[in-house]
């Protein structure tokens, strides 16, 4: 889920940026320091939306940069458990498919792709279902649900496509097969 967070931090502006306008130099310094970082509370810090307030600059002994107390807004992306996401399959392995779902990639484990036996086809780099004959390849667009999130040293997002109306867009576009009516007498009729 994307959101805009209001943050406050002390930002160091190096001497190389002294020839720029203060708000421009501060914004560039925030971008260099924070963009792309992962924070456990607010998610992936994507880009600076605006610089709201810049305090008085402080020069610290032995450091040529000027340090400013700054209030600013950043666009962030934080996955939420049970959230539906759309993405593109970027890699297929024997244990599942990696899907780009925003600022990060999630893994759909082989056991979470379909309610069917799924096997890895190394030659064609795809996952194939035994009964339904459905295939998942790199480049396929999919809909999945976030089932686990770990934003620590090595961030991991677990996805599932086993639920109704989830999976490859190709699969979702197919018409479901009609259930055959059982042969024999109907209950309650003689």
N, C-alpha and C. Protein backbone atom coordinates (compact mmCIF):
# COMPACT_ATOMS: atom_id res chain seq x y z
N UNK A 1 0.84 -1.16 0.00
CA UNK A 1 0.00 0.00 0.00
C UNK A 1 0.90 1.24 0.00
N UNK A 2 0.58 2.17 -0.87
CA UNK A 2 1.33 3.42 -0.95
C UNK A 2 0.74 4.44 0.02
N UNK A 3 1.59 5.23 0.64
CA UNK A 3 1.13 6.31 1.50
C UNK A 3 2.19 7.41 1.56
N UNK A 4 1.80 8.56 2.03
CA UNK A 4 2.73 9.67 2.18
C UNK A 4 2.96 9.87 3.67
N UNK A 5 4.22 9.75 4.08
CA UNK A 5 4.59 9.88 5.49
C UNK A 5 5.26 11.23 5.72
N UNK A 6 4.92 11.86 6.83
CA UNK A 6 5.59 13.10 7.23
C UNK A 6 6.68 12.72 8.22
N UNK A 7 7.91 13.09 7.90
CA UNK A 7 9.06 12.70 8.71
C UNK A 7 9.84 13.93 9.15
N UNK A 8 10.64 13.74 10.19
CA UNK A 8 11.54 14.79 10.67
C UNK A 8 12.88 14.11 10.92
N UNK A 9 13.96 14.76 10.41
CA UNK A 9 15.29 14.18 10.56
C UNK A 9 16.32 15.30 10.43
N UNK A 10 17.53 15.02 10.90
CA UNK A 10 18.63 15.96 10.72
C UNK A 10 19.34 15.55 9.43
N UNK A 11 19.39 16.46 8.47
CA UNK A 11 19.95 16.18 7.16
C UNK A 11 21.24 16.98 6.97
N UNK A 12 22.30 16.27 6.59
CA UNK A 12 23.60 16.92 6.34
C UNK A 12 23.68 17.32 4.87
N UNK A 13 23.97 18.59 4.62
CA UNK A 13 24.15 19.09 3.26
C UNK A 13 25.65 19.31 3.06
N UNK A 14 26.27 18.55 2.14
CA UNK A 14 27.72 18.68 1.93
C UNK A 14 28.09 19.96 1.19
N UNK A 15 29.34 20.40 1.30
CA UNK A 15 29.79 21.63 0.64
C UNK A 15 29.57 21.63 -0.88
N UNK A 16 29.57 20.48 -1.51
CA UNK A 16 29.35 20.40 -2.96
C UNK A 16 27.98 20.94 -3.36
N UNK A 17 27.05 21.03 -2.42
CA UNK A 17 25.69 21.52 -2.71
C UNK A 17 25.47 22.97 -2.27
N UNK A 18 26.49 23.63 -1.76
CA UNK A 18 26.33 24.99 -1.24
C UNK A 18 25.97 26.00 -2.34
N UNK A 19 26.24 25.68 -3.61
CA UNK A 19 25.93 26.62 -4.68
C UNK A 19 24.46 26.55 -5.11
N UNK A 20 23.69 25.61 -4.56
CA UNK A 20 22.28 25.45 -4.91
C UNK A 20 21.40 26.18 -3.90
N UNK A 21 20.14 26.36 -4.28
CA UNK A 21 19.17 26.92 -3.33
C UNK A 21 19.05 25.95 -2.17
N UNK A 22 18.81 26.47 -0.98
CA UNK A 22 18.79 25.64 0.22
C UNK A 22 17.78 24.51 0.13
N UNK A 23 16.52 24.82 -0.27
CA UNK A 23 15.50 23.76 -0.32
C UNK A 23 15.86 22.67 -1.35
N UNK A 24 16.50 23.06 -2.45
CA UNK A 24 16.92 22.10 -3.47
C UNK A 24 18.07 21.22 -2.94
N UNK A 25 19.03 21.84 -2.26
CA UNK A 25 20.17 21.10 -1.69
C UNK A 25 19.70 20.12 -0.61
N UNK A 26 18.76 20.57 0.22
CA UNK A 26 18.23 19.71 1.28
C UNK A 26 17.47 18.53 0.67
N UNK A 27 16.62 18.81 -0.33
CA UNK A 27 15.85 17.74 -0.98
C UNK A 27 16.77 16.70 -1.61
N UNK A 28 17.82 17.14 -2.30
CA UNK A 28 18.77 16.20 -2.91
C UNK A 28 19.48 15.38 -1.84
N UNK A 29 19.83 16.00 -0.72
CA UNK A 29 20.51 15.29 0.36
C UNK A 29 19.60 14.24 1.00
N UNK A 30 18.30 14.56 1.14
CA UNK A 30 17.33 13.59 1.66
C UNK A 30 17.23 12.42 0.69
N UNK A 31 17.11 12.71 -0.61
CA UNK A 31 17.00 11.66 -1.62
C UNK A 31 18.20 10.72 -1.56
N UNK A 32 19.40 11.29 -1.52
CA UNK A 32 20.61 10.47 -1.50
C UNK A 32 20.69 9.61 -0.25
N UNK A 33 20.22 10.14 0.87
CA UNK A 33 20.33 9.42 2.14
C UNK A 33 19.23 8.39 2.35
N UNK A 34 18.00 8.69 1.92
CA UNK A 34 16.87 7.85 2.33
C UNK A 34 16.16 7.05 1.22
N UNK A 35 16.17 7.54 -0.01
CA UNK A 35 15.40 6.84 -1.05
C UNK A 35 15.89 5.41 -1.23
N UNK A 36 14.94 4.49 -1.27
CA UNK A 36 15.26 3.07 -1.45
C UNK A 36 15.50 2.32 -0.16
N UNK A 37 15.57 3.02 0.95
CA UNK A 37 15.77 2.34 2.24
C UNK A 37 14.47 1.72 2.73
N UNK A 38 14.61 0.70 3.57
CA UNK A 38 13.45 0.02 4.14
C UNK A 38 13.38 0.33 5.63
N UNK A 39 12.22 0.80 6.06
CA UNK A 39 11.97 1.09 7.47
C UNK A 39 10.85 0.17 7.93
N UNK A 40 11.06 -0.51 9.07
CA UNK A 40 10.06 -1.47 9.57
C UNK A 40 8.70 -0.85 9.85
N UNK A 41 8.66 0.44 10.17
CA UNK A 41 7.41 1.09 10.52
C UNK A 41 6.65 1.64 9.32
N UNK A 42 7.37 2.19 8.33
CA UNK A 42 6.68 2.84 7.21
C UNK A 42 6.95 2.20 5.85
N UNK A 43 7.83 1.22 5.78
CA UNK A 43 8.06 0.49 4.54
C UNK A 43 9.24 1.01 3.74
N UNK A 44 9.13 0.90 2.42
CA UNK A 44 10.19 1.33 1.51
C UNK A 44 10.01 2.81 1.23
N UNK A 45 11.06 3.59 1.48
CA UNK A 45 11.02 5.03 1.23
C UNK A 45 11.32 5.25 -0.25
N UNK A 46 10.33 5.74 -1.00
CA UNK A 46 10.46 5.82 -2.45
C UNK A 46 11.00 7.14 -2.97
N UNK A 47 10.35 8.24 -2.62
CA UNK A 47 10.79 9.54 -3.12
C UNK A 47 10.30 10.67 -2.23
N UNK A 48 11.02 11.78 -2.28
CA UNK A 48 10.65 12.97 -1.50
C UNK A 48 9.52 13.67 -2.24
N UNK A 49 8.41 13.90 -1.55
CA UNK A 49 7.27 14.61 -2.13
C UNK A 49 7.46 16.11 -1.96
N UNK A 50 7.82 16.53 -0.74
CA UNK A 50 8.03 17.95 -0.48
C UNK A 50 8.87 18.14 0.78
N UNK A 51 9.53 19.28 0.84
CA UNK A 51 10.25 19.70 2.05
C UNK A 51 9.38 20.75 2.71
N UNK A 52 8.92 20.48 3.93
CA UNK A 52 7.97 21.35 4.63
C UNK A 52 8.65 22.45 5.44
N UNK A 53 9.65 22.08 6.23
CA UNK A 53 10.34 23.04 7.10
C UNK A 53 11.83 22.73 7.12
N UNK A 54 12.64 23.79 7.14
CA UNK A 54 14.08 23.63 7.28
C UNK A 54 14.51 24.51 8.45
N UNK A 55 15.09 23.86 9.46
CA UNK A 55 15.55 24.61 10.64
C UNK A 55 16.88 25.31 10.35
N UNK A 56 17.41 25.96 11.39
CA UNK A 56 18.68 26.67 11.25
C UNK A 56 19.82 25.67 11.11
N UNK A 57 20.77 25.96 10.22
CA UNK A 57 21.90 25.07 9.98
C UNK A 57 22.91 25.09 11.11
N UNK A 58 23.48 23.91 11.38
CA UNK A 58 24.49 23.78 12.43
C UNK A 58 25.73 23.16 11.81
N UNK A 59 26.89 23.73 12.12
CA UNK A 59 28.16 23.18 11.66
C UNK A 59 28.81 22.49 12.85
N UNK A 60 29.14 21.21 12.66
CA UNK A 60 29.76 20.44 13.73
C UNK A 60 31.27 20.40 13.52
N UNK A 61 32.05 20.42 14.60
CA UNK A 61 33.51 20.39 14.49
C UNK A 61 33.98 19.15 13.71
N UNK A 62 34.86 19.36 12.75
CA UNK A 62 35.43 18.26 11.99
C UNK A 62 34.56 17.77 10.85
N UNK A 63 33.38 18.36 10.66
CA UNK A 63 32.47 17.95 9.59
C UNK A 63 32.16 19.17 8.73
N UNK A 64 32.52 19.16 7.45
CA UNK A 64 32.30 20.33 6.60
C UNK A 64 30.83 20.54 6.20
N UNK A 65 29.98 19.54 6.39
CA UNK A 65 28.57 19.66 6.01
C UNK A 65 27.82 20.54 7.01
N UNK A 66 26.72 21.12 6.52
CA UNK A 66 25.83 21.88 7.38
C UNK A 66 24.63 20.97 7.68
N UNK A 67 24.28 20.85 8.96
CA UNK A 67 23.22 19.95 9.40
C UNK A 67 21.95 20.75 9.69
N UNK A 68 20.85 20.32 9.06
CA UNK A 68 19.57 21.02 9.21
C UNK A 68 18.53 20.06 9.79
N UNK A 69 17.73 20.58 10.74
CA UNK A 69 16.58 19.83 11.23
C UNK A 69 15.47 20.06 10.19
N UNK A 70 15.02 19.00 9.55
CA UNK A 70 14.11 19.13 8.41
C UNK A 70 12.84 18.30 8.63
N UNK A 71 11.71 18.90 8.28
CA UNK A 71 10.42 18.20 8.24
C UNK A 71 10.08 18.06 6.77
N UNK A 72 9.77 16.82 6.34
CA UNK A 72 9.53 16.56 4.92
C UNK A 72 8.53 15.43 4.74
N UNK A 73 7.98 15.32 3.54
CA UNK A 73 7.04 14.25 3.21
C UNK A 73 7.66 13.34 2.17
N UNK A 74 7.47 12.02 2.38
CA UNK A 74 7.99 11.02 1.45
C UNK A 74 6.89 10.05 1.05
N UNK A 75 6.93 9.66 -0.21
CA UNK A 75 6.06 8.60 -0.70
C UNK A 75 6.69 7.28 -0.28
N UNK A 76 5.88 6.43 0.38
CA UNK A 76 6.37 5.15 0.90
C UNK A 76 5.48 4.02 0.40
N UNK A 77 6.03 2.81 0.41
CA UNK A 77 5.25 1.63 0.04
C UNK A 77 5.45 0.59 1.12
N UNK A 78 4.33 0.16 1.72
CA UNK A 78 4.36 -0.83 2.79
C UNK A 78 3.36 -1.93 2.46
N UNK A 79 3.82 -3.15 2.25
CA UNK A 79 2.88 -4.24 2.01
C UNK A 79 2.09 -4.53 3.29
N UNK A 80 0.84 -4.92 3.13
CA UNK A 80 -0.02 -5.27 4.27
C UNK A 80 -0.48 -6.71 4.10
N UNK A 81 -0.52 -7.45 5.19
CA UNK A 81 -1.01 -8.83 5.11
C UNK A 81 -2.45 -8.84 4.64
N UNK A 82 -2.76 -9.80 3.79
CA UNK A 82 -4.08 -10.04 3.17
C UNK A 82 -4.39 -9.04 2.05
N UNK A 83 -3.47 -8.13 1.74
CA UNK A 83 -3.68 -7.17 0.66
C UNK A 83 -3.59 -7.89 -0.69
N UNK A 84 -4.48 -7.53 -1.62
CA UNK A 84 -4.41 -8.04 -2.98
C UNK A 84 -3.42 -7.19 -3.76
N UNK A 85 -2.54 -7.85 -4.52
CA UNK A 85 -1.54 -7.13 -5.30
C UNK A 85 -1.53 -7.66 -6.73
N UNK A 86 -1.16 -6.79 -7.65
CA UNK A 86 -0.98 -7.17 -9.05
C UNK A 86 0.51 -7.03 -9.32
N UNK A 87 1.05 -7.92 -10.15
CA UNK A 87 2.46 -7.82 -10.46
C UNK A 87 2.83 -8.66 -11.66
N UNK A 88 4.12 -8.62 -11.97
CA UNK A 88 4.64 -9.36 -13.12
C UNK A 88 5.63 -10.40 -12.62
N UNK A 89 5.54 -11.61 -13.17
CA UNK A 89 6.48 -12.68 -12.83
C UNK A 89 7.82 -12.30 -13.44
N UNK A 90 8.86 -12.20 -12.58
CA UNK A 90 10.18 -11.80 -13.07
C UNK A 90 11.19 -12.94 -13.06
N UNK A 91 10.87 -14.03 -12.35
CA UNK A 91 11.77 -15.18 -12.31
C UNK A 91 10.99 -16.42 -11.90
N UNK A 92 11.38 -17.55 -12.48
CA UNK A 92 10.78 -18.84 -12.12
C UNK A 92 11.91 -19.74 -11.63
N UNK A 93 11.69 -20.39 -10.49
CA UNK A 93 12.67 -21.33 -9.95
C UNK A 93 11.95 -22.62 -9.61
N UNK A 94 12.69 -23.63 -9.20
CA UNK A 94 12.06 -24.90 -8.85
C UNK A 94 11.19 -24.80 -7.60
N UNK A 95 11.41 -23.76 -6.78
CA UNK A 95 10.60 -23.62 -5.56
C UNK A 95 9.51 -22.58 -5.66
N UNK A 96 9.38 -21.89 -6.83
CA UNK A 96 8.29 -20.94 -6.97
C UNK A 96 8.56 -19.86 -7.99
N UNK A 97 7.74 -18.80 -7.91
CA UNK A 97 7.83 -17.69 -8.85
C UNK A 97 8.03 -16.39 -8.08
N UNK A 98 8.96 -15.57 -8.55
CA UNK A 98 9.17 -14.24 -7.98
C UNK A 98 8.34 -13.25 -8.76
N UNK A 99 7.59 -12.41 -8.03
CA UNK A 99 6.67 -11.47 -8.65
C UNK A 99 7.02 -10.06 -8.19
N UNK A 100 7.17 -9.12 -9.13
CA UNK A 100 7.42 -7.71 -8.81
C UNK A 100 6.07 -7.08 -8.49
N UNK A 101 5.89 -6.64 -7.23
CA UNK A 101 4.58 -6.16 -6.78
C UNK A 101 4.60 -4.72 -6.29
N UNK A 102 5.50 -3.95 -6.77
CA UNK A 102 5.62 -2.56 -6.30
C UNK A 102 7.08 -2.27 -6.12
N UNK A 103 7.44 -1.82 -4.95
CA UNK A 103 8.84 -1.48 -4.68
C UNK A 103 9.68 -2.70 -4.35
N UNK A 104 9.06 -3.86 -4.18
CA UNK A 104 9.79 -5.08 -3.82
C UNK A 104 9.25 -6.25 -4.62
N UNK A 105 9.91 -7.38 -4.47
CA UNK A 105 9.48 -8.62 -5.11
C UNK A 105 8.94 -9.56 -4.03
N UNK A 106 7.92 -10.32 -4.39
CA UNK A 106 7.37 -11.31 -3.50
C UNK A 106 7.56 -12.69 -4.09
N UNK A 107 7.50 -13.72 -3.25
CA UNK A 107 7.65 -15.10 -3.70
C UNK A 107 6.33 -15.84 -3.56
N UNK A 108 5.91 -16.47 -4.66
CA UNK A 108 4.77 -17.39 -4.62
C UNK A 108 5.40 -18.77 -4.61
N UNK A 109 5.40 -19.41 -3.44
CA UNK A 109 5.98 -20.75 -3.33
C UNK A 109 5.17 -21.70 -4.20
N UNK A 110 5.82 -22.73 -4.71
CA UNK A 110 5.18 -23.72 -5.58
C UNK A 110 3.88 -24.25 -4.97
N UNK A 111 3.85 -24.41 -3.66
CA UNK A 111 2.65 -24.92 -2.99
C UNK A 111 1.52 -23.91 -2.94
N UNK A 112 1.81 -22.64 -3.27
CA UNK A 112 0.82 -21.58 -3.19
C UNK A 112 0.37 -21.09 -4.57
N UNK A 113 0.74 -21.81 -5.63
CA UNK A 113 0.38 -21.37 -6.98
C UNK A 113 -1.02 -21.83 -7.38
N UNK A 114 -1.29 -23.11 -7.25
CA UNK A 114 -2.59 -23.67 -7.63
C UNK A 114 -2.97 -24.81 -6.69
N UNK A 115 -4.24 -25.19 -6.71
CA UNK A 115 -4.69 -26.39 -6.01
C UNK A 115 -4.51 -27.57 -6.97
N UNK A 116 -3.29 -27.82 -7.35
CA UNK A 116 -2.95 -28.83 -8.35
C UNK A 116 -1.47 -29.11 -8.16
N UNK A 117 -1.01 -30.27 -8.63
CA UNK A 117 0.42 -30.57 -8.57
C UNK A 117 1.13 -29.69 -9.59
N UNK A 118 2.10 -28.91 -9.15
CA UNK A 118 2.83 -28.00 -10.03
C UNK A 118 4.29 -28.46 -10.12
N UNK A 119 4.79 -28.58 -11.35
CA UNK A 119 6.17 -29.00 -11.55
C UNK A 119 6.95 -27.92 -12.29
N UNK A 120 8.26 -27.94 -12.06
CA UNK A 120 9.18 -26.97 -12.64
C UNK A 120 9.73 -27.53 -13.96
N UNK A 121 9.60 -26.76 -15.01
CA UNK A 121 10.14 -27.12 -16.33
C UNK A 121 11.36 -26.25 -16.56
N UNK A 122 12.56 -26.79 -16.25
CA UNK A 122 13.79 -26.01 -16.32
C UNK A 122 14.12 -25.61 -17.76
N UNK A 123 13.82 -26.47 -18.72
CA UNK A 123 14.13 -26.19 -20.12
C UNK A 123 13.39 -24.94 -20.61
N UNK A 124 12.11 -24.83 -20.27
CA UNK A 124 11.27 -23.71 -20.72
C UNK A 124 11.11 -22.61 -19.66
N UNK A 125 11.77 -22.77 -18.51
CA UNK A 125 11.65 -21.83 -17.39
C UNK A 125 10.19 -21.48 -17.10
N UNK A 126 9.43 -22.50 -16.74
CA UNK A 126 8.03 -22.29 -16.42
C UNK A 126 7.58 -23.30 -15.38
N UNK A 127 6.45 -23.02 -14.77
CA UNK A 127 5.81 -23.93 -13.83
C UNK A 127 4.54 -24.43 -14.49
N UNK A 128 4.33 -25.75 -14.46
CA UNK A 128 3.17 -26.35 -15.14
C UNK A 128 2.34 -27.16 -14.16
N UNK A 129 1.01 -27.03 -14.28
CA UNK A 129 0.08 -27.78 -13.44
C UNK A 129 -0.28 -29.08 -14.14
N UNK A 130 -0.32 -30.17 -13.37
CA UNK A 130 -0.57 -31.49 -13.95
C UNK A 130 -1.99 -31.64 -14.48
N UNK A 131 -3.01 -31.41 -13.65
CA UNK A 131 -4.40 -31.66 -14.03
C UNK A 131 -4.98 -30.56 -14.92
N UNK A 132 -4.81 -29.32 -14.51
CA UNK A 132 -5.43 -28.20 -15.23
C UNK A 132 -4.63 -27.75 -16.45
N UNK A 133 -3.37 -28.19 -16.53
CA UNK A 133 -2.47 -27.82 -17.65
C UNK A 133 -2.16 -26.32 -17.70
N UNK A 134 -2.39 -25.63 -16.61
CA UNK A 134 -2.07 -24.20 -16.57
C UNK A 134 -0.55 -24.03 -16.46
N UNK A 135 -0.05 -22.95 -17.08
CA UNK A 135 1.39 -22.68 -17.13
C UNK A 135 1.65 -21.27 -16.62
N UNK A 136 2.73 -21.11 -15.86
CA UNK A 136 3.15 -19.81 -15.37
C UNK A 136 4.56 -19.55 -15.88
N UNK A 137 4.73 -18.40 -16.59
CA UNK A 137 6.02 -18.07 -17.20
C UNK A 137 6.47 -16.67 -16.78
N UNK A 138 7.75 -16.41 -17.01
CA UNK A 138 8.29 -15.06 -16.80
C UNK A 138 7.55 -14.11 -17.74
N UNK A 139 7.15 -12.95 -17.21
CA UNK A 139 6.42 -11.96 -18.00
C UNK A 139 4.92 -12.02 -17.80
N UNK A 140 4.40 -13.11 -17.22
CA UNK A 140 2.96 -13.20 -16.96
C UNK A 140 2.55 -12.19 -15.90
N UNK A 141 1.40 -11.57 -16.09
CA UNK A 141 0.84 -10.67 -15.10
C UNK A 141 -0.08 -11.49 -14.19
N UNK A 142 0.06 -11.29 -12.88
CA UNK A 142 -0.69 -12.09 -11.92
C UNK A 142 -1.36 -11.23 -10.86
N UNK A 143 -2.36 -11.82 -10.22
CA UNK A 143 -3.01 -11.22 -9.04
C UNK A 143 -2.74 -12.19 -7.89
N UNK A 144 -2.27 -11.67 -6.77
CA UNK A 144 -1.95 -12.51 -5.62
C UNK A 144 -2.36 -11.82 -4.33
N UNK A 145 -2.29 -12.57 -3.24
CA UNK A 145 -2.59 -12.04 -1.91
C UNK A 145 -1.33 -12.16 -1.06
N UNK A 146 -1.03 -11.10 -0.31
CA UNK A 146 0.13 -11.11 0.59
C UNK A 146 -0.23 -11.96 1.81
N UNK A 147 0.61 -12.98 2.09
CA UNK A 147 0.32 -13.85 3.24
C UNK A 147 1.39 -13.77 4.33
N UNK A 148 2.56 -13.21 4.01
CA UNK A 148 3.58 -13.04 5.05
C UNK A 148 4.53 -11.90 4.65
N UNK A 149 4.99 -11.20 5.67
CA UNK A 149 5.88 -10.06 5.45
C UNK A 149 7.00 -10.11 6.49
N UNK A 150 8.22 -9.91 6.03
CA UNK A 150 9.36 -9.78 6.95
C UNK A 150 10.24 -8.66 6.42
N UNK A 151 10.24 -7.54 7.11
CA UNK A 151 11.06 -6.39 6.71
C UNK A 151 12.19 -6.23 7.71
N UNK A 152 13.16 -7.09 7.62
CA UNK A 152 14.33 -7.03 8.51
C UNK A 152 15.56 -6.84 7.65
N UNK A 153 16.67 -7.51 8.02
CA UNK A 153 17.91 -7.41 7.26
C UNK A 153 17.68 -7.78 5.81
N UNK A 154 17.01 -8.91 5.60
CA UNK A 154 16.72 -9.37 4.25
C UNK A 154 15.19 -9.44 4.14
N UNK A 155 14.61 -8.48 3.44
CA UNK A 155 13.15 -8.39 3.36
C UNK A 155 12.58 -9.54 2.52
N UNK A 156 11.46 -10.09 2.99
CA UNK A 156 10.79 -11.17 2.27
C UNK A 156 9.29 -10.96 2.33
N UNK A 157 8.63 -11.18 1.19
CA UNK A 157 7.18 -11.08 1.12
C UNK A 157 6.67 -12.39 0.51
N UNK A 158 5.78 -13.06 1.24
CA UNK A 158 5.18 -14.31 0.76
C UNK A 158 3.82 -14.03 0.15
N UNK A 159 3.54 -14.69 -0.98
CA UNK A 159 2.29 -14.49 -1.71
C UNK A 159 1.59 -15.82 -1.93
N UNK A 160 0.27 -15.76 -2.16
CA UNK A 160 -0.48 -16.93 -2.58
C UNK A 160 -1.34 -16.58 -3.78
N UNK A 161 -1.56 -17.60 -4.62
CA UNK A 161 -2.47 -17.44 -5.76
C UNK A 161 -3.50 -18.58 -5.76
N UNK A 162 -3.62 -19.30 -4.65
CA UNK A 162 -4.50 -20.46 -4.58
C UNK A 162 -5.97 -20.13 -4.36
N UNK A 163 -6.28 -18.91 -4.01
CA UNK A 163 -7.65 -18.55 -3.72
C UNK A 163 -8.41 -18.16 -4.98
N UNK A 164 -9.73 -18.15 -4.87
CA UNK A 164 -10.62 -17.81 -5.98
C UNK A 164 -10.28 -16.43 -6.53
N UNK A 165 -10.27 -16.28 -7.83
CA UNK A 165 -10.00 -15.04 -8.56
C UNK A 165 -8.56 -14.53 -8.42
N UNK A 166 -7.65 -15.42 -8.01
CA UNK A 166 -6.23 -15.09 -7.97
C UNK A 166 -5.50 -15.94 -9.01
N UNK A 167 -4.34 -15.48 -9.43
CA UNK A 167 -3.52 -16.22 -10.37
C UNK A 167 -3.17 -15.40 -11.58
N UNK A 168 -2.70 -16.09 -12.61
CA UNK A 168 -2.32 -15.43 -13.85
C UNK A 168 -3.54 -14.80 -14.51
N UNK A 169 -3.37 -13.63 -15.09
CA UNK A 169 -4.49 -12.98 -15.79
C UNK A 169 -4.97 -13.85 -16.94
N UNK A 170 -4.07 -14.63 -17.53
CA UNK A 170 -4.47 -15.56 -18.60
C UNK A 170 -5.45 -16.59 -18.06
N UNK A 171 -5.18 -17.11 -16.87
CA UNK A 171 -6.07 -18.11 -16.27
C UNK A 171 -7.42 -17.49 -15.94
N UNK A 172 -7.38 -16.27 -15.43
CA UNK A 172 -8.62 -15.61 -15.02
C UNK A 172 -9.50 -15.26 -16.21
N UNK A 173 -8.91 -15.10 -17.39
CA UNK A 173 -9.66 -14.78 -18.60
C UNK A 173 -10.34 -16.01 -19.20
N UNK A 174 -9.83 -17.20 -18.84
CA UNK A 174 -10.42 -18.44 -19.37
C UNK A 174 -11.79 -18.65 -18.76
N UNK A 175 -12.70 -19.23 -19.56
CA UNK A 175 -14.03 -19.55 -19.04
C UNK A 175 -13.93 -20.83 -18.22
N UNK A 176 -14.54 -20.85 -17.04
CA UNK A 176 -14.49 -22.06 -16.23
C UNK A 176 -15.30 -23.17 -16.89
N UNK A 177 -14.81 -24.40 -16.73
CA UNK A 177 -15.54 -25.53 -17.29
C UNK A 177 -16.82 -25.74 -16.49
N UNK A 178 -17.91 -26.07 -17.22
CA UNK A 178 -19.19 -26.31 -16.54
C UNK A 178 -19.16 -27.68 -15.88
N UNK A 179 -19.71 -27.73 -14.68
CA UNK A 179 -19.77 -29.00 -13.96
C UNK A 179 -20.83 -29.88 -14.62
N UNK A 180 -20.48 -31.15 -14.78
CA UNK A 180 -21.42 -32.07 -15.39
C UNK A 180 -22.49 -32.43 -14.38
N UNK A 181 -23.73 -32.60 -14.88
CA UNK A 181 -24.82 -32.99 -14.00
C UNK A 181 -24.71 -34.49 -13.75
N UNK A 182 -24.94 -34.90 -12.51
CA UNK A 182 -24.84 -36.33 -12.19
C UNK A 182 -25.95 -37.11 -12.90
N UNK A 183 -25.62 -38.30 -13.34
CA UNK A 183 -26.59 -39.19 -13.98
C UNK A 183 -27.42 -39.88 -12.90
N UNK A 184 -28.66 -40.21 -13.24
CA UNK A 184 -29.51 -40.93 -12.30
C UNK A 184 -30.70 -40.10 -11.87
N UNK A 185 -31.43 -40.63 -10.91
CA UNK A 185 -32.64 -39.98 -10.42
C UNK A 185 -32.30 -38.81 -9.50
N UNK A 186 -33.16 -37.81 -9.55
CA UNK A 186 -33.00 -36.69 -8.64
C UNK A 186 -33.65 -37.03 -7.32
N UNK A 187 -33.14 -36.49 -6.26
CA UNK A 187 -33.70 -36.77 -4.93
C UNK A 187 -35.09 -36.14 -4.81
N UNK A 188 -35.93 -36.83 -4.13
CA UNK A 188 -37.25 -36.32 -3.84
C UNK A 188 -38.26 -36.58 -4.95
N UNK A 189 -37.84 -37.09 -6.08
CA UNK A 189 -38.76 -37.38 -7.17
C UNK A 189 -38.83 -38.88 -7.36
N UNK A 190 -40.04 -39.38 -7.73
CA UNK A 190 -40.23 -40.81 -7.94
C UNK A 190 -40.61 -41.06 -9.36
